């Protein structure tokens, strides 16, 4: 049972990962489900990353990385299907559903306005703009091209899962709260990528004037 469980849902990376990133971790199994809660900091800002995985492949692995920041402004990025995520509180899910619909209407209007330009550029071999594959709402231009490129390039997941689950994530800053949630993404490489994205965002926000 032990080796097979580790093959289906690797967890041996949890303790070493916490040490490398200077974080505390509480983790363990509850029958067929595993949870690890990491708590660390970037500079003076504390963060928490909670990952949940299951041996039953009908349940997606989820994670939520949260950090309370002093920064004003807001943005949202959705990668993958934009239905409500299964991580977070019920209020989070309602907010995300409304936000995703609002972002879709904005993108629809923008695409309609750029239709002629898009047709003229058909067949062009120009390098795609970072974030072009994502649903981005960032009216203040808070996200850099480097951050958007990171959000488009996630490492592969390392757990057994049902083919009916899609990889997806949602990132948002609202009222100083930064949250990055994922679904169907699991493992040390994924968790390390989440922290890299979080740190890059915090550094970018800290360097903004004002």
C-alpha atoms as a PDB file:
ATOM      1  CA  UNK A   1       0.000   0.000   0.000  1.00  0.00           C
ATOM      2  CA  UNK A   2       2.833   2.406   0.928  1.00  0.00           C
ATOM      3  CA  UNK A   3       4.876   2.297  -2.335  1.00  0.00           C
ATOM      4  CA  UNK A   4       1.720   2.211  -4.471  1.00  0.00           C
ATOM      5  CA  UNK A   5       0.323   5.213  -2.606  1.00  0.00           C
ATOM      6  CA  UNK A   6       3.545   7.145  -3.191  1.00  0.00           C
ATOM      7  CA  UNK A   7       3.455   6.278  -6.892  1.00  0.00           C
ATOM      8  CA  UNK A   8      -0.102   7.526  -7.233  1.00  0.00           C
ATOM      9  CA  UNK A   9       0.347  10.655  -5.120  1.00  0.00           C
ATOM     10  CA  UNK A  10       3.994  11.501  -4.322  1.00  0.00           C
ATOM     11  CA  UNK A  11       4.406  13.121  -0.912  1.00  0.00           C
ATOM     12  CA  UNK A  12       8.067  12.434  -0.049  1.00  0.00           C
ATOM     13  CA  UNK A  13       8.958  15.884  -1.409  1.00  0.00           C
ATOM     14  CA  UNK A  14       6.959  17.765   1.239  1.00  0.00           C
ATOM     15  CA  UNK A  15       9.427  17.861   4.160  1.00  0.00           C
ATOM     16  CA  UNK A  16      12.539  18.599   2.010  1.00  0.00           C
ATOM     17  CA  UNK A  17      10.605  21.302   0.154  1.00  0.00           C
ATOM     18  CA  UNK A  18       9.724  23.006   3.427  1.00  0.00           C
ATOM     19  CA  UNK A  19      13.364  22.982   4.547  1.00  0.00           C
ATOM     20  CA  UNK A  20      14.648  24.387   1.257  1.00  0.00           C
ATOM     21  CA  UNK A  21      12.148  27.257   1.381  1.00  0.00           C
ATOM     22  CA  UNK A  22      12.555  27.996   5.083  1.00  0.00           C
ATOM     23  CA  UNK A  23       8.943  27.099   5.786  1.00  0.00           C
ATOM     24  CA  UNK A  24       7.089  25.217   8.483  1.00  0.00           C
ATOM     25  CA  UNK A  25       4.824  22.414   7.360  1.00  0.00           C
ATOM     26  CA  UNK A  26       1.990  20.408   8.851  1.00  0.00           C
ATOM     27  CA  UNK A  27       1.101  17.394   6.749  1.00  0.00           C
ATOM     28  CA  UNK A  28      -0.513  14.000   6.880  1.00  0.00           C
ATOM     29  CA  UNK A  29      -2.956  11.483   5.459  1.00  0.00           C
ATOM     30  CA  UNK A  30      -6.645  11.240   6.255  1.00  0.00           C
ATOM     31  CA  UNK A  31      -7.569   7.812   4.868  1.00  0.00           C
ATOM     32  CA  UNK A  32      -7.032   8.347   1.104  1.00  0.00           C
ATOM     33  CA  UNK A  33      -6.497  12.099   1.118  1.00  0.00           C
ATOM     34  CA  UNK A  34      -3.313  14.027   1.864  1.00  0.00           C
ATOM     35  CA  UNK A  35      -2.907  17.633   2.957  1.00  0.00           C
ATOM     36  CA  UNK A  36       0.192  19.740   3.530  1.00  0.00           C
ATOM     37  CA  UNK A  37       0.091  23.299   4.847  1.00  0.00           C
ATOM     38  CA  UNK A  38       3.325  25.257   4.348  1.00  0.00           C
ATOM     39  CA  UNK A  39       3.930  28.589   6.075  1.00  0.00           C
ATOM     40  CA  UNK A  40       6.861  30.794   5.166  1.00  0.00           C
ATOM     41  CA  UNK A  41       7.695  34.365   4.256  1.00  0.00           C
ATOM     42  CA  UNK A  42       9.170  36.487   1.495  1.00  0.00           C
ATOM     43  CA  UNK A  43      10.912  39.398   3.116  1.00  0.00           C
ATOM     44  CA  UNK A  44       8.482  40.632   5.776  1.00  0.00           C
ATOM     45  CA  UNK A  45       5.394  39.226   4.046  1.00  0.00           C
ATOM     46  CA  UNK A  46       4.125  35.847   5.320  1.00  0.00           C
ATOM     47  CA  UNK A  47       2.583  33.334   2.929  1.00  0.00           C
ATOM     48  CA  UNK A  48       0.658  30.083   3.281  1.00  0.00           C
ATOM     49  CA  UNK A  49       0.464  27.301   0.712  1.00  0.00           C
ATOM     50  CA  UNK A  50      -2.055  24.501   1.291  1.00  0.00           C
ATOM     51  CA  UNK A  51      -2.010  21.508  -1.069  1.00  0.00           C
ATOM     52  CA  UNK A  52      -4.622  18.749  -1.118  1.00  0.00           C
ATOM     53  CA  UNK A  53      -4.308  15.489  -3.034  1.00  0.00           C
ATOM     54  CA  UNK A  54      -6.305  12.273  -3.263  1.00  0.00           C
ATOM     55  CA  UNK A  55      -5.676   8.663  -4.220  1.00  0.00           C
ATOM     56  CA  UNK A  56      -9.100   8.600  -5.856  1.00  0.00           C
ATOM     57  CA  UNK A  57      -8.428  10.048  -9.311  1.00  0.00           C
ATOM     58  CA  UNK A  58     -12.010  11.321  -9.579  1.00  0.00           C
ATOM     59  CA  UNK A  59     -11.014  14.057  -7.130  1.00  0.00           C
ATOM     60  CA  UNK A  60      -8.627  16.711  -8.463  1.00  0.00           C
ATOM     61  CA  UNK A  61      -5.547  17.803  -6.553  1.00  0.00           C
ATOM     62  CA  UNK A  62      -5.882  21.431  -5.493  1.00  0.00           C
ATOM     63  CA  UNK A  63      -3.746  24.121  -3.918  1.00  0.00           C
ATOM     64  CA  UNK A  64      -4.114  27.638  -2.579  1.00  0.00           C
ATOM     65  CA  UNK A  65      -1.177  30.001  -2.060  1.00  0.00           C
ATOM     66  CA  UNK A  66      -2.210  33.085  -0.076  1.00  0.00           C
ATOM     67  CA  UNK A  67      -0.292  36.176   0.940  1.00  0.00           C
ATOM     68  CA  UNK A  68      -1.553  39.351   2.611  1.00  0.00           C
ATOM     69  CA  UNK A  69       0.173  42.386   1.095  1.00  0.00           C
ATOM     70  CA  UNK A  70       0.190  46.170   1.632  1.00  0.00           C
ATOM     71  CA  UNK A  71      -0.284  46.813  -2.091  1.00  0.00           C
ATOM     72  CA  UNK A  72      -3.305  48.556  -3.582  1.00  0.00           C
ATOM     73  CA  UNK A  73      -4.785  47.743  -6.962  1.00  0.00           C
ATOM     74  CA  UNK A  74      -6.174  44.558  -8.419  1.00  0.00           C
ATOM     75  CA  UNK A  75      -5.695  42.044 -11.208  1.00  0.00           C
ATOM     76  CA  UNK A  76      -6.866  38.576 -12.160  1.00  0.00           C
ATOM     77  CA  UNK A  77      -5.458  35.869 -14.403  1.00  0.00           C
ATOM     78  CA  UNK A  78      -7.188  32.618 -15.302  1.00  0.00           C
ATOM     79  CA  UNK A  79      -5.481  29.769 -17.111  1.00  0.00           C
ATOM     80  CA  UNK A  80      -7.461  26.788 -18.380  1.00  0.00           C
ATOM     81  CA  UNK A  81     -11.253  26.408 -18.187  1.00  0.00           C
ATOM     82  CA  UNK A  82     -12.673  29.409 -16.349  1.00  0.00           C
ATOM     83  CA  UNK A  83     -15.318  27.637 -14.286  1.00  0.00           C
ATOM     84  CA  UNK A  84     -15.206  28.046 -10.508  1.00  0.00           C
ATOM     85  CA  UNK A  85     -12.236  26.403  -8.813  1.00  0.00           C
ATOM     86  CA  UNK A  86     -12.692  23.837  -6.046  1.00  0.00           C
ATOM     87  CA  UNK A  87     -10.152  25.465  -3.711  1.00  0.00           C
ATOM     88  CA  UNK A  88     -11.018  28.270  -1.295  1.00  0.00           C
ATOM     89  CA  UNK A  89     -14.132  29.364   0.513  1.00  0.00           C
ATOM     90  CA  UNK A  90     -17.640  29.492  -0.910  1.00  0.00           C
ATOM     91  CA  UNK A  91     -17.358  33.275  -1.129  1.00  0.00           C
ATOM     92  CA  UNK A  92     -14.179  32.873  -3.159  1.00  0.00           C
ATOM     93  CA  UNK A  93     -15.969  30.606  -5.608  1.00  0.00           C
ATOM     94  CA  UNK A  94     -18.857  33.029  -6.122  1.00  0.00           C
ATOM     95  CA  UNK A  95     -16.411  35.888  -6.617  1.00  0.00           C
ATOM     96  CA  UNK A  96     -14.440  33.900  -9.169  1.00  0.00           C
ATOM     97  CA  UNK A  97     -17.508  32.887 -11.155  1.00  0.00           C
ATOM     98  CA  UNK A  98     -18.671  36.502 -11.422  1.00  0.00           C
ATOM     99  CA  UNK A  99     -15.162  37.722 -12.164  1.00  0.00           C
ATOM    100  CA  UNK A 100     -14.641  35.122 -14.892  1.00  0.00           C
ATOM    101  CA  UNK A 101     -17.895  36.141 -16.587  1.00  0.00           C
ATOM    102  CA  UNK A 102     -16.938  39.805 -16.384  1.00  0.00           C
ATOM    103  CA  UNK A 103     -13.502  39.065 -17.870  1.00  0.00           C
ATOM    104  CA  UNK A 104     -15.093  37.113 -20.719  1.00  0.00           C
ATOM    105  CA  UNK A 105     -17.303  40.083 -21.657  1.00  0.00           C
ATOM    106  CA  UNK A 106     -14.305  42.425 -21.580  1.00  0.00           C
ATOM    107  CA  UNK A 107     -12.269  40.082 -23.762  1.00  0.00           C
ATOM    108  CA  UNK A 108     -15.196  39.652 -26.177  1.00  0.00           C
ATOM    109  CA  UNK A 109     -15.453  43.405 -26.667  1.00  0.00           C
ATOM    110  CA  UNK A 110     -11.698  43.774 -27.067  1.00  0.00           C
ATOM    111  CA  UNK A 111     -11.520  40.941 -29.604  1.00  0.00           C
ATOM    112  CA  UNK A 112     -14.375  42.456 -31.614  1.00  0.00           C
ATOM    113  CA  UNK A 113     -12.557  45.782 -31.747  1.00  0.00           C
ATOM    114  CA  UNK A 114      -9.345  44.133 -32.888  1.00  0.00           C
ATOM    115  CA  UNK A 115     -10.924  41.827 -35.436  1.00  0.00           C
ATOM    116  CA  UNK A 116      -9.654  43.717 -38.480  1.00  0.00           C
ATOM    117  CA  UNK A 117      -6.143  43.927 -37.116  1.00  0.00           C
ATOM    118  CA  UNK A 118      -6.195  40.234 -36.281  1.00  0.00           C
ATOM    119  CA  UNK A 119      -7.310  39.362 -39.807  1.00  0.00           C
ATOM    120  CA  UNK A 120      -4.566  41.510 -41.303  1.00  0.00           C
ATOM    121  CA  UNK A 121      -1.985  39.801 -39.147  1.00  0.00           C
ATOM    122  CA  UNK A 122      -3.108  36.270 -39.981  1.00  0.00           C
ATOM    123  CA  UNK A 123      -0.195  34.155 -41.079  1.00  0.00           C
ATOM    124  CA  UNK A 124       2.325  36.332 -39.265  1.00  0.00           C
ATOM    125  CA  UNK A 125       5.166  34.459 -37.587  1.00  0.00           C
ATOM    126  CA  UNK A 126       5.615  37.080 -34.857  1.00  0.00           C
ATOM    127  CA  UNK A 127       6.310  35.802 -31.336  1.00  0.00           C
ATOM    128  CA  UNK A 128       3.054  35.598 -29.340  1.00  0.00           C
ATOM    129  CA  UNK A 129       2.615  38.255 -26.678  1.00  0.00           C
ATOM    130  CA  UNK A 130       3.258  36.916 -23.141  1.00  0.00           C
ATOM    131  CA  UNK A 131      -0.077  36.058 -21.573  1.00  0.00           C
ATOM    132  CA  UNK A 132      -1.877  35.740 -24.914  1.00  0.00           C
ATOM    133  CA  UNK A 133      -3.225  32.298 -23.955  1.00  0.00           C
ATOM    134  CA  UNK A 134      -4.528  33.529 -20.601  1.00  0.00           C
ATOM    135  CA  UNK A 135      -7.660  35.376 -19.521  1.00  0.00           C
ATOM    136  CA  UNK A 136      -6.106  38.513 -18.027  1.00  0.00           C
ATOM    137  CA  UNK A 137      -7.808  41.433 -16.270  1.00  0.00           C
ATOM    138  CA  UNK A 138      -5.112  43.971 -15.377  1.00  0.00           C
ATOM    139  CA  UNK A 139      -6.260  47.505 -16.160  1.00  0.00           C
ATOM    140  CA  UNK A 140      -3.410  49.035 -14.151  1.00  0.00           C
ATOM    141  CA  UNK A 141      -0.669  47.070 -15.911  1.00  0.00           C
ATOM    142  CA  UNK A 142       0.603  45.551 -12.681  1.00  0.00           C
ATOM    143  CA  UNK A 143       1.699  42.250 -14.239  1.00  0.00           C
ATOM    144  CA  UNK A 144       4.981  42.217 -16.155  1.00  0.00           C
ATOM    145  CA  UNK A 145       5.526  40.206 -19.364  1.00  0.00           C
ATOM    146  CA  UNK A 146       7.935  38.000 -17.398  1.00  0.00           C
ATOM    147  CA  UNK A 147       5.247  37.119 -14.862  1.00  0.00           C
ATOM    148  CA  UNK A 148       2.691  36.399 -17.576  1.00  0.00           C
ATOM    149  CA  UNK A 149       5.200  34.150 -19.330  1.00  0.00           C
ATOM    150  CA  UNK A 150       5.718  32.236 -16.074  1.00  0.00           C
ATOM    151  CA  UNK A 151       1.973  31.762 -15.751  1.00  0.00           C
ATOM    152  CA  UNK A 152       1.862  30.208 -19.216  1.00  0.00           C
ATOM    153  CA  UNK A 153       4.632  27.709 -18.479  1.00  0.00           C
ATOM    154  CA  UNK A 154       3.691  25.375 -15.627  1.00  0.00           C
ATOM    155  CA  UNK A 155       5.711  22.219 -14.880  1.00  0.00           C
ATOM    156  CA  UNK A 156       3.923  18.896 -15.360  1.00  0.00           C
ATOM    157  CA  UNK A 157       1.924  17.411 -12.507  1.00  0.00           C
ATOM    158  CA  UNK A 158       3.193  14.278 -10.775  1.00  0.00           C
ATOM    159  CA  UNK A 159       0.072  12.459  -9.583  1.00  0.00           C
ATOM    160  CA  UNK A 160      -2.276   9.872 -11.042  1.00  0.00           C
ATOM    161  CA  UNK A 161      -5.487  11.545 -12.151  1.00  0.00           C
ATOM    162  CA  UNK A 162      -8.622  11.155 -14.196  1.00  0.00           C
ATOM    163  CA  UNK A 163      -8.428  12.297 -17.818  1.00  0.00           C
ATOM    164  CA  UNK A 164     -11.604  14.318 -17.346  1.00  0.00           C
ATOM    165  CA  UNK A 165      -9.826  16.852 -15.135  1.00  0.00           C
ATOM    166  CA  UNK A 166      -8.132  19.851 -16.751  1.00  0.00           C
ATOM    167  CA  UNK A 167      -5.081  21.716 -15.488  1.00  0.00           C
ATOM    168  CA  UNK A 168      -6.076  25.220 -14.496  1.00  0.00           C
ATOM    169  CA  UNK A 169      -5.226  28.037 -12.154  1.00  0.00           C
ATOM    170  CA  UNK A 170      -6.454  31.400 -10.990  1.00  0.00           C
ATOM    171  CA  UNK A 171      -4.344  34.269  -9.718  1.00  0.00           C
ATOM    172  CA  UNK A 172      -5.752  37.448  -8.277  1.00  0.00           C
ATOM    173  CA  UNK A 173      -4.893  40.469  -6.169  1.00  0.00           C
ATOM    174  CA  UNK A 174      -7.821  42.151  -4.426  1.00  0.00           C
ATOM    175  CA  UNK A 175      -7.869  44.414  -1.362  1.00  0.00           C
ATOM    176  CA  UNK A 176      -4.231  43.516  -0.698  1.00  0.00           C
ATOM    177  CA  UNK A 177      -4.882  39.780  -0.706  1.00  0.00           C
ATOM    178  CA  UNK A 178      -2.811  37.814  -3.237  1.00  0.00           C
ATOM    179  CA  UNK A 179      -4.060  34.308  -3.977  1.00  0.00           C
ATOM    180  CA  UNK A 180      -2.894  31.728  -6.512  1.00  0.00           C
ATOM    181  CA  UNK A 181      -5.069  28.625  -6.744  1.00  0.00           C
ATOM    182  CA  UNK A 182      -4.485  25.573  -8.903  1.00  0.00           C
ATOM    183  CA  UNK A 183      -6.409  22.473  -9.830  1.00  0.00           C
ATOM    184  CA  UNK A 184      -4.972  19.194 -11.089  1.00  0.00           C
ATOM    185  CA  UNK A 185      -1.395  20.386 -10.597  1.00  0.00           C
ATOM    186  CA  UNK A 186       0.662  18.513  -7.998  1.00  0.00           C
ATOM    187  CA  UNK A 187       4.218  17.992  -6.847  1.00  0.00           C
ATOM    188  CA  UNK A 188       7.434  19.660  -5.799  1.00  0.00           C
ATOM    189  CA  UNK A 189       8.033  21.350  -9.167  1.00  0.00           C
ATOM    190  CA  UNK A 190       4.516  22.784  -9.183  1.00  0.00           C
ATOM    191  CA  UNK A 191       4.792  24.105  -5.610  1.00  0.00           C
ATOM    192  CA  UNK A 192       8.197  25.649  -6.348  1.00  0.00           C
ATOM    193  CA  UNK A 193       6.745  27.330  -9.440  1.00  0.00           C
ATOM    194  CA  UNK A 194       3.892  28.783  -7.383  1.00  0.00           C
ATOM    195  CA  UNK A 195       6.386  30.351  -4.990  1.00  0.00           C
ATOM    196  CA  UNK A 196       8.489  31.726  -7.859  1.00  0.00           C
ATOM    197  CA  UNK A 197       5.399  33.363  -9.332  1.00  0.00           C
ATOM    198  CA  UNK A 198       4.379  34.747  -5.944  1.00  0.00           C
ATOM    199  CA  UNK A 199       7.845  36.139  -5.213  1.00  0.00           C
ATOM    200  CA  UNK A 200       8.116  37.686  -8.679  1.00  0.00           C
ATOM    201  CA  UNK A 201       4.762  39.423  -8.194  1.00  0.00           C
ATOM    202  CA  UNK A 202       5.662  40.702  -4.733  1.00  0.00           C
ATOM    203  CA  UNK A 203       8.994  42.025  -6.018  1.00  0.00           C
ATOM    204  CA  UNK A 204       7.289  43.703  -8.989  1.00  0.00           C
ATOM    205  CA  UNK A 205       4.677  45.331  -6.759  1.00  0.00           C
ATOM    206  CA  UNK A 206       7.339  46.515  -4.310  1.00  0.00           C
ATOM    207  CA  UNK A 207       9.230  48.236  -7.137  1.00  0.00           C
ATOM    208  CA  UNK A 208       6.216  50.195  -8.397  1.00  0.00           C
ATOM    209  CA  UNK A 209       6.375  53.957  -7.751  1.00  0.00           C
ATOM    210  CA  UNK A 210       4.189  55.280  -4.975  1.00  0.00           C
END
